[in-house]
């Protein structure tokens, strides 16, 4: 029986990991394309940095839609189940990404092109806003509490894997094509590839069972009529703590994986190929590091692992751009790899940490709101703020201070959070 349970858990983890990888591939692909091509194709009348700034503004809109997606998906996920909402988010993301690959450019239809790009980015944000909560919850609620940090770190690793795949695809396109061909049509292929990936994700996710913890709660008729409102009413501290934990993690990730491409290509004058290669290596290391930190949080606690990650992020921010500015390949790679390892120390235990703050009846809504609301003021604005600072000062020191301030917020949030390692969901529900 224990063997069957372990096999079922592994199947759920595999489905969650692959589905999450595919959805975040689509989401991160947009961010990388915004750094590389969207400024030229959809905002061609601006100077290079301003065009990139406008492209990042459309990228940010996806983050603004994420809390709405978390709210809607959380509501129905707490009422009708985790699995069906996960399937719907997968389809929504795949269709919007495919349509981005079919869009005409500003040169072809004028202002309508960036407007359609914005609309599709909003749909992407809405879809991924519902993805995270469902993906980590269905793993957390299948697995044993003693290893929850490790098990739930795998869908977190899927986020790194999504960025890894997106970067790898763009890297191949950049290596095989000239700049002109990449701008003319090559950038479309990674988005069109989404159709096949979504079909694979649908096939894998359709085979998993609904969360047993949710099924038990549903059988006892314990569903809330308005779970998001109940989460806000009864768990304000958990929502604020989760949002605080997210600040450094969210900001530093998009500084490292998105803004650094701009900094390396526009300021350091590295090739697009070299910048993407460094991100690719960093994402591969991070993919391996996330489960290790999740496992460590099961051994010594969520709080200390998270606090170490936040403190390391704040300190490394001041070395990061100095290393990038050298333009030396080993130092550029080292800067990105170390930055993403500190990020992994926060991201590995994060899913278990946030899930354990809420009882079953409001867990999807509470975890999604806590996770996604921060994206409005953190991840969405991070590349824009960084480009604006660089544009005004021609120096990255202000960006380091910005990341350091976010790290201080997350460090404090980790210290004030309640330790939840090893608690069963029955204990958490009873405390509620």
Protein backbone atom coordinates (compact mmCIF):
# COMPACT_ATOMS: atom_id res chain seq x y z
CA UNK A 1 0.00 0.00 0.00
CA UNK A 2 2.82 2.38 0.88
CA UNK A 3 4.49 1.44 -2.41
CA UNK A 4 1.31 2.28 -4.35
CA UNK A 5 1.10 5.62 -2.53
CA UNK A 6 4.72 6.44 -3.38
CA UNK A 7 4.18 5.54 -7.07
CA UNK A 8 1.04 7.70 -7.16
CA UNK A 9 2.91 10.61 -5.59
CA UNK A 10 5.72 10.35 -8.13
CA UNK A 11 3.15 10.36 -10.94
CA UNK A 12 1.54 13.50 -9.53
CA UNK A 13 4.95 15.18 -9.15
CA UNK A 14 5.91 14.29 -12.74
CA UNK A 15 2.62 15.65 -14.09
CA UNK A 16 2.94 18.82 -12.03
CA UNK A 17 6.59 19.33 -13.01
CA UNK A 18 6.00 18.84 -16.74
CA UNK A 19 2.84 20.95 -16.83
CA UNK A 20 4.48 23.75 -14.84
CA UNK A 21 7.54 23.64 -17.10
CA UNK A 22 5.36 24.06 -20.18
CA UNK A 23 3.27 26.90 -18.78
CA UNK A 24 6.29 28.85 -17.50
CA UNK A 25 8.13 28.20 -20.75
CA UNK A 26 5.39 30.22 -22.44
CA UNK A 27 5.43 32.92 -19.76
CA UNK A 28 9.23 33.35 -19.69
CA UNK A 29 9.50 33.17 -23.46
CA UNK A 30 7.61 36.44 -23.61
CA UNK A 31 10.00 38.12 -21.16
CA UNK A 32 13.07 37.02 -23.13
CA UNK A 33 11.48 38.07 -26.40
CA UNK A 34 10.64 41.46 -24.85
CA UNK A 35 14.32 41.92 -24.04
CA UNK A 36 15.50 40.81 -27.48
CA UNK A 37 12.96 41.62 -30.21
CA UNK A 38 9.60 43.10 -29.13
CA UNK A 39 11.00 46.62 -28.71
CA UNK A 40 12.13 46.59 -32.33
CA UNK A 41 9.07 44.88 -33.82
CA UNK A 42 6.20 46.40 -31.86
CA UNK A 43 7.68 49.77 -30.74
CA UNK A 44 10.07 50.59 -33.61
CA UNK A 45 9.90 54.39 -33.38
CA UNK A 46 11.53 54.55 -29.94
CA UNK A 47 15.26 54.61 -29.22
CA UNK A 48 16.67 51.18 -28.20
CA UNK A 49 16.36 51.48 -24.40
CA UNK A 50 12.95 53.21 -24.60
CA UNK A 51 11.70 50.53 -26.99
CA UNK A 52 12.83 47.85 -24.54
CA UNK A 53 11.18 49.78 -21.71
CA UNK A 54 7.88 49.78 -23.62
CA UNK A 55 8.26 46.07 -24.37
CA UNK A 56 8.85 45.39 -20.67
CA UNK A 57 5.73 47.43 -19.90
CA UNK A 58 3.66 44.95 -21.95
CA UNK A 59 5.53 42.16 -20.16
CA UNK A 60 4.48 43.69 -16.82
CA UNK A 61 0.80 43.54 -17.75
CA UNK A 62 1.00 39.76 -17.54
CA UNK A 63 1.97 40.14 -13.89
CA UNK A 64 -0.94 42.48 -13.23
CA UNK A 65 -3.31 39.81 -14.54
CA UNK A 66 -1.80 37.11 -12.33
CA UNK A 67 -3.63 38.05 -9.07
CA UNK A 68 -6.93 38.04 -10.95
CA UNK A 69 -6.10 34.59 -12.29
CA UNK A 70 -5.14 33.47 -8.79
CA UNK A 71 -8.42 34.84 -7.42
CA UNK A 72 -10.64 33.17 -10.04
CA UNK A 73 -8.78 29.87 -10.17
CA UNK A 74 -8.42 29.84 -6.39
CA UNK A 75 -12.17 30.34 -5.93
CA UNK A 76 -13.12 27.45 -8.17
CA UNK A 77 -10.14 25.34 -7.10
CA UNK A 78 -11.34 25.51 -3.49
CA UNK A 79 -14.89 24.69 -4.56
CA UNK A 80 -14.67 22.13 -7.37
CA UNK A 81 -11.12 20.76 -7.15
CA UNK A 82 -7.49 21.34 -8.12
CA UNK A 83 -7.17 19.12 -11.19
CA UNK A 84 -9.82 20.64 -13.48
CA UNK A 85 -8.47 24.13 -12.95
CA UNK A 86 -4.94 22.96 -13.78
CA UNK A 87 -6.16 21.51 -17.08
CA UNK A 88 -7.94 24.74 -18.01
CA UNK A 89 -4.92 26.94 -17.22
CA UNK A 90 -2.76 24.76 -19.47
CA UNK A 91 -5.06 25.22 -22.48
CA UNK A 92 -5.47 28.95 -21.87
CA UNK A 93 -1.72 29.50 -21.75
CA UNK A 94 -1.03 27.39 -24.84
CA UNK A 95 -3.59 29.12 -27.04
CA UNK A 96 -2.48 32.64 -26.07
CA UNK A 97 1.19 31.79 -26.68
CA UNK A 98 0.47 30.27 -30.07
CA UNK A 99 -1.45 33.40 -31.09
CA UNK A 100 1.50 35.62 -30.05
CA UNK A 101 3.57 33.66 -32.56
CA UNK A 102 1.02 34.52 -35.26
CA UNK A 103 0.81 38.27 -34.56
CA UNK A 104 1.52 40.83 -37.28
CA UNK A 105 4.07 43.48 -36.29
CA UNK A 106 3.82 47.27 -35.99
CA UNK A 107 5.29 47.63 -39.48
CA UNK A 108 2.44 45.55 -40.90
CA UNK A 109 -0.67 46.85 -39.13
CA UNK A 110 0.49 49.75 -36.95
CA UNK A 111 -0.90 50.39 -33.46
CA UNK A 112 -3.18 47.35 -33.54
CA UNK A 113 -0.11 45.09 -33.26
CA UNK A 114 1.05 46.18 -29.77
CA UNK A 115 -2.59 46.29 -28.60
CA UNK A 116 -3.10 42.64 -29.59
CA UNK A 117 0.22 41.78 -27.96
CA UNK A 118 -0.99 43.40 -24.74
CA UNK A 119 -4.30 41.49 -24.83
CA UNK A 120 -2.58 38.14 -25.26
CA UNK A 121 -0.07 38.93 -22.51
CA UNK A 122 -2.99 39.61 -20.16
CA UNK A 123 -4.43 36.18 -20.98
CA UNK A 124 -1.01 34.60 -20.31
CA UNK A 125 -0.84 36.31 -16.94
CA UNK A 126 -4.36 35.23 -16.03
CA UNK A 127 -3.54 31.60 -16.88
CA UNK A 128 -0.25 31.43 -15.02
CA UNK A 129 -1.90 33.16 -12.04
CA UNK A 130 -4.02 30.05 -11.56
CA UNK A 131 -1.32 27.54 -12.46
CA UNK A 132 1.02 27.93 -9.51
CA UNK A 133 -1.49 27.36 -6.72
CA UNK A 134 -3.00 24.29 -8.32
CA UNK A 135 0.34 22.74 -9.26
CA UNK A 136 1.92 22.99 -5.82
CA UNK A 137 -1.27 22.15 -3.93
CA UNK A 138 -1.98 18.94 -5.79
CA UNK A 139 1.55 17.75 -4.88
CA UNK A 140 1.44 19.06 -1.30
CA UNK A 141 -1.92 17.40 -0.64
CA UNK A 142 -0.80 14.04 -2.06
CA UNK A 143 2.53 13.83 -0.22
CA UNK A 144 3.53 13.05 3.38
CA UNK A 145 4.24 16.07 5.64
CA UNK A 146 7.78 14.97 6.54
CA UNK A 147 8.98 15.46 2.94
CA UNK A 148 6.60 18.21 1.83
CA UNK A 149 9.36 20.76 1.26
CA UNK A 150 11.12 18.37 -1.11
CA UNK A 151 8.01 17.14 -2.95
CA UNK A 152 6.57 20.62 -3.52
CA UNK A 153 9.93 21.92 -4.67
CA UNK A 154 9.56 19.94 -7.91
CA UNK A 155 6.78 22.09 -9.40
CA UNK A 156 8.93 25.03 -8.27
CA UNK A 157 11.81 23.50 -10.23
CA UNK A 158 9.42 23.39 -13.18
CA UNK A 159 9.54 27.20 -13.21
CA UNK A 160 13.33 27.08 -13.61
CA UNK A 161 12.92 24.34 -16.22
CA UNK A 162 10.46 26.53 -18.13
CA UNK A 163 13.00 29.33 -18.26
CA UNK A 164 15.69 26.80 -19.19
CA UNK A 165 13.67 25.50 -22.15
CA UNK A 166 12.64 28.99 -23.28
CA UNK A 167 16.25 30.20 -23.15
CA UNK A 168 17.52 27.06 -24.89
CA UNK A 169 15.05 27.44 -27.75
CA UNK A 170 15.95 31.12 -28.21
CA UNK A 171 19.64 30.23 -27.99
CA UNK A 172 19.30 27.67 -30.78
CA UNK A 173 17.40 30.18 -32.92
CA UNK A 174 20.03 32.85 -32.29
CA UNK A 175 22.85 30.43 -33.14
CA UNK A 176 21.28 29.20 -36.37
CA UNK A 177 19.91 32.49 -37.70
CA UNK A 178 21.16 35.89 -38.62
CA UNK A 179 19.83 38.92 -36.72
CA UNK A 180 17.65 39.82 -39.72
CA UNK A 181 16.09 36.35 -40.00
CA UNK A 182 15.50 36.14 -36.26
CA UNK A 183 13.66 39.47 -36.32
CA UNK A 184 11.78 38.62 -39.51
CA UNK A 185 10.37 35.23 -38.51
CA UNK A 186 12.63 33.19 -36.25
CA UNK A 187 11.26 34.63 -33.00
CA UNK A 188 7.81 33.21 -33.88
CA UNK A 189 8.82 29.55 -33.85
CA UNK A 190 9.31 29.19 -30.06
CA UNK A 191 5.79 30.53 -29.50
CA UNK A 192 4.28 28.22 -32.12
CA UNK A 193 6.06 25.30 -30.48
CA UNK A 194 3.66 25.77 -27.54
CA UNK A 195 0.95 23.83 -29.34
CA UNK A 196 2.86 20.55 -29.21
CA UNK A 197 4.06 21.11 -25.65
CA UNK A 198 0.55 21.84 -24.37
CA UNK A 199 -0.75 18.63 -25.97
CA UNK A 200 1.93 16.67 -24.06
CA UNK A 201 1.09 18.46 -20.82
CA UNK A 202 -2.64 17.78 -21.23
CA UNK A 203 -2.05 14.08 -21.85
CA UNK A 204 0.14 13.72 -18.75
CA UNK A 205 -2.02 15.78 -16.39
CA UNK A 206 -5.26 14.06 -17.41
CA UNK A 207 -3.98 10.82 -15.88
CA UNK A 208 -3.54 12.05 -12.28
CA UNK A 209 -6.07 11.83 -9.45
CA UNK A 210 -7.69 14.71 -7.61
CA UNK A 211 -6.09 15.80 -4.34
CA UNK A 212 -7.18 13.36 -1.58
CA UNK A 213 -7.10 16.15 1.03
CA UNK A 214 -9.50 18.24 -1.08
CA UNK A 215 -11.68 15.22 -1.84
CA UNK A 216 -12.00 14.50 1.88
CA UNK A 217 -12.91 18.11 2.63
CA UNK A 218 -15.44 18.15 -0.23
CA UNK A 219 -17.04 14.92 1.04
CA UNK A 220 -17.49 16.58 4.42
CA UNK A 221 -19.15 19.57 2.70
CA UNK A 222 -16.57 22.02 4.02
CA UNK A 223 -16.27 24.19 0.88
CA UNK A 224 -16.41 27.96 1.42
CA UNK A 225 -18.84 30.07 -0.59
CA UNK A 226 -16.22 32.81 -1.03
CA UNK A 227 -12.82 31.32 -0.14
CA UNK A 228 -10.77 34.37 -1.18
CA UNK A 229 -12.79 36.69 1.07
CA UNK A 230 -12.52 34.15 3.89
CA UNK A 231 -8.73 34.04 3.41
CA UNK A 232 -8.51 37.84 3.62
CA UNK A 233 -10.81 37.92 6.68
CA UNK A 234 -9.21 35.12 8.67
CA UNK A 235 -5.61 34.98 7.45
CA UNK A 236 -4.37 38.57 6.90
CA UNK A 237 -1.04 37.86 8.62
CA UNK A 238 -0.40 34.80 6.44
CA UNK A 239 -1.22 36.77 3.28
CA UNK A 240 1.14 39.61 4.25
CA UNK A 241 3.89 37.24 5.35
CA UNK A 242 3.67 35.29 2.11
CA UNK A 243 3.76 38.52 0.11
CA UNK A 244 6.82 39.67 2.06
CA UNK A 245 8.58 36.37 1.40
CA UNK A 246 7.96 36.84 -2.29
CA UNK A 247 9.48 40.33 -2.63
CA UNK A 248 13.18 39.46 -2.94
CA UNK A 249 12.55 36.16 -4.70
CA UNK A 250 10.34 37.73 -7.37
CA UNK A 251 12.40 40.86 -7.96
CA UNK A 252 15.82 39.23 -8.07
CA UNK A 253 14.64 36.49 -10.44
CA UNK A 254 13.51 38.90 -13.13
CA UNK A 255 16.55 41.10 -12.65
CA UNK A 256 18.79 38.08 -13.23
CA UNK A 257 16.89 36.33 -16.02
CA UNK A 258 15.36 39.25 -17.93
CA UNK A 259 17.03 42.58 -17.15
CA UNK A 260 20.53 41.11 -17.25
CA UNK A 261 19.99 40.26 -20.94
CA UNK A 262 19.40 43.96 -21.63
CA UNK A 263 22.35 44.99 -19.48
CA UNK A 264 24.71 42.54 -21.15
CA UNK A 265 23.64 43.31 -24.72
CA UNK A 266 23.08 47.08 -24.48
CA UNK A 267 25.66 48.19 -21.87
CA UNK A 268 28.37 45.54 -21.85
CA UNK A 269 27.90 44.86 -25.59
CA UNK A 270 27.98 41.09 -25.28
CA UNK A 271 26.33 39.17 -28.09
CA UNK A 272 22.77 37.92 -27.73
CA UNK A 273 24.20 34.40 -27.93
CA UNK A 274 26.60 34.93 -25.00
CA UNK A 275 23.91 36.46 -22.79
CA UNK A 276 21.46 33.62 -23.46
CA UNK A 277 24.17 31.00 -22.88
CA UNK A 278 24.89 32.42 -19.41
CA UNK A 279 21.18 32.39 -18.50
CA UNK A 280 20.91 28.82 -19.80
CA UNK A 281 23.75 27.59 -17.58
CA UNK A 282 22.37 29.43 -14.55
CA UNK A 283 18.88 27.99 -15.09
CA UNK A 284 20.29 24.45 -15.33
CA UNK A 285 22.14 24.83 -12.02
CA UNK A 286 19.08 26.37 -10.41
CA UNK A 287 16.86 23.49 -11.56
CA UNK A 288 19.10 21.12 -9.58
CA UNK A 289 19.43 23.43 -6.57
CA UNK A 290 15.71 24.03 -5.93
CA UNK A 291 14.87 20.46 -4.76
CA UNK A 292 18.01 20.39 -2.61
CA UNK A 293 16.92 23.50 -0.73
CA UNK A 294 13.39 22.10 -0.48
CA UNK A 295 14.84 18.97 1.11
CA UNK A 296 17.01 21.06 3.44
CA UNK A 297 13.90 22.91 4.64
CA UNK A 298 12.45 19.53 5.69
CA UNK A 299 15.55 18.93 7.81
CA UNK A 300 16.21 22.29 9.48
CA UNK A 301 13.03 24.30 8.83
CA UNK A 302 11.54 26.65 6.24
CA UNK A 303 12.53 29.84 8.05
CA UNK A 304 16.33 29.46 8.24
CA UNK A 305 16.68 28.25 4.64
CA UNK A 306 14.56 31.11 3.35
CA UNK A 307 16.36 33.71 5.48
CA UNK A 308 19.76 32.55 4.17
CA UNK A 309 18.51 32.88 0.61
CA UNK A 310 17.18 36.40 1.20
CA UNK A 311 20.34 37.59 2.95
CA UNK A 312 22.55 36.09 0.25
CA UNK A 313 20.48 37.72 -2.47
CA UNK A 314 20.82 41.15 -0.87
CA UNK A 315 24.59 40.88 -0.50
CA UNK A 316 25.20 39.30 -3.92
CA UNK A 317 23.29 42.11 -5.66
CA UNK A 318 26.28 44.41 -5.09
CA UNK A 319 28.75 42.00 -6.68
CA UNK A 320 26.42 40.90 -9.47
CA UNK A 321 26.64 43.86 -11.84
CA UNK A 322 30.36 44.39 -11.24
CA UNK A 323 30.92 40.86 -12.51
CA UNK A 324 28.60 41.36 -15.49
CA UNK A 325 30.37 44.61 -16.38
CA UNK A 326 33.66 42.79 -16.92
CA UNK A 327 32.21 41.08 -19.99
CA UNK A 328 34.39 38.06 -19.19
CA UNK A 329 32.41 34.89 -19.91
CA UNK A 330 33.42 32.94 -16.75
CA UNK A 331 32.61 35.91 -14.49
CA UNK A 332 29.29 36.60 -16.21
CA UNK A 333 28.29 32.95 -15.81
CA UNK A 334 29.45 32.93 -12.17
CA UNK A 335 27.39 36.05 -11.41
CA UNK A 336 24.22 34.51 -12.79
CA UNK A 337 24.78 31.03 -11.33
CA UNK A 338 25.42 32.29 -7.78
CA UNK A 339 22.48 34.71 -8.00
CA UNK A 340 20.14 31.89 -9.04
CA UNK A 341 21.47 29.59 -6.29
CA UNK A 342 20.52 32.19 -3.66
CA UNK A 343 17.16 32.51 -5.40
CA UNK A 344 16.76 28.70 -5.21
CA UNK A 345 17.29 28.84 -1.44
CA UNK A 346 14.10 30.93 -1.27
CA UNK A 347 12.19 29.22 -4.05
CA UNK A 348 12.82 25.63 -2.91
CA UNK A 349 10.93 25.80 0.41
CA UNK A 350 8.53 28.52 -0.72
CA UNK A 351 5.65 26.34 -1.96
CA UNK A 352 5.45 24.26 1.22
CA UNK A 353 5.95 27.37 3.37
CA UNK A 354 3.03 29.27 1.80
CA UNK A 355 0.70 26.25 1.47
CA UNK A 356 1.14 25.44 5.16
CA UNK A 357 -0.11 28.91 6.13
CA UNK A 358 -3.71 28.15 5.07
CA UNK A 359 -6.34 25.49 5.95
CA UNK A 360 -7.67 23.21 3.20
CA UNK A 361 -10.97 25.01 2.68
CA UNK A 362 -9.22 28.24 1.58
CA UNK A 363 -5.75 26.94 0.66
CA UNK A 364 -5.91 27.42 -3.13
CA UNK A 365 -7.27 30.97 -2.77
CA UNK A 366 -5.00 31.97 0.11
CA UNK A 367 -1.81 30.57 -1.38
CA UNK A 368 -2.58 32.01 -4.84
CA UNK A 369 -3.37 35.47 -3.49
CA UNK A 370 -0.29 35.51 -1.29
CA UNK A 371 1.92 34.36 -4.16
CA UNK A 372 0.44 36.35 -7.04
CA UNK A 373 -0.40 39.71 -5.43
CA UNK A 374 3.29 40.44 -4.91
CA UNK A 375 3.92 40.11 -8.63
CA UNK A 376 2.16 43.44 -9.24
CA UNK A 377 4.76 45.45 -7.30
CA UNK A 378 7.70 43.05 -7.61
CA UNK A 379 8.29 40.93 -10.72
CA UNK A 380 6.16 43.05 -13.04
CA UNK A 381 8.00 46.27 -12.27
CA UNK A 382 11.50 44.91 -11.64
CA UNK A 383 12.77 45.03 -15.26
CA UNK A 384 11.04 48.38 -15.85
CA UNK A 385 12.51 49.96 -12.71
CA UNK A 386 15.93 48.51 -13.52
CA UNK A 387 15.90 49.81 -17.12
CA UNK A 388 14.69 53.22 -15.91
CA UNK A 389 17.50 53.42 -13.33
CA UNK A 390 20.04 52.39 -15.95
CA UNK A 391 18.61 54.89 -18.44
CA UNK A 392 18.77 57.79 -15.97
CA UNK A 393 22.06 57.08 -14.20
CA UNK A 394 23.98 54.92 -16.69
CA UNK A 395 24.96 52.88 -13.63
CA UNK A 396 23.67 49.64 -12.13
CA UNK A 397 24.38 50.63 -8.50
CA UNK A 398 20.81 51.84 -8.04
CA UNK A 399 19.54 48.46 -9.27
CA UNK A 400 21.71 46.71 -6.63
CA UNK A 401 20.24 48.95 -3.91
CA UNK A 402 16.74 48.17 -5.19
CA UNK A 403 17.35 44.39 -4.97
CA UNK A 404 19.01 44.80 -1.56
CA UNK A 405 15.96 46.61 -0.17
CA UNK A 406 13.65 43.85 -1.43
CA UNK A 407 15.94 41.26 0.16
CA UNK A 408 15.68 43.03 3.52
CA UNK A 409 11.87 42.79 3.37
CA UNK A 410 11.96 39.06 2.64
CA UNK A 411 14.58 38.46 5.33
CA UNK A 412 12.34 40.08 7.95
CA UNK A 413 9.29 38.16 6.64
CA UNK A 414 11.19 34.87 7.04
CA UNK A 415 12.11 35.75 10.62
CA UNK A 416 8.57 36.67 11.68
CA UNK A 417 6.88 33.75 9.90
CA UNK A 418 5.72 30.77 11.93
CA UNK A 419 7.72 27.58 11.39
CA UNK A 420 5.45 24.97 9.75
CA UNK A 421 7.89 22.15 8.92
CA UNK A 422 6.43 18.69 9.54
CA UNK A 423 2.85 19.74 10.28
CA UNK A 424 0.06 17.64 8.80
CA UNK A 425 -2.78 19.38 7.00
CA UNK A 426 -5.14 17.87 9.60
CA UNK A 427 -3.18 19.75 12.30
CA UNK A 428 -3.25 22.95 10.25
CA UNK A 429 -7.01 22.58 9.67
CA UNK A 430 -7.57 21.93 13.39
CA UNK A 431 -5.61 25.04 14.36
CA UNK A 432 -7.77 27.06 11.98
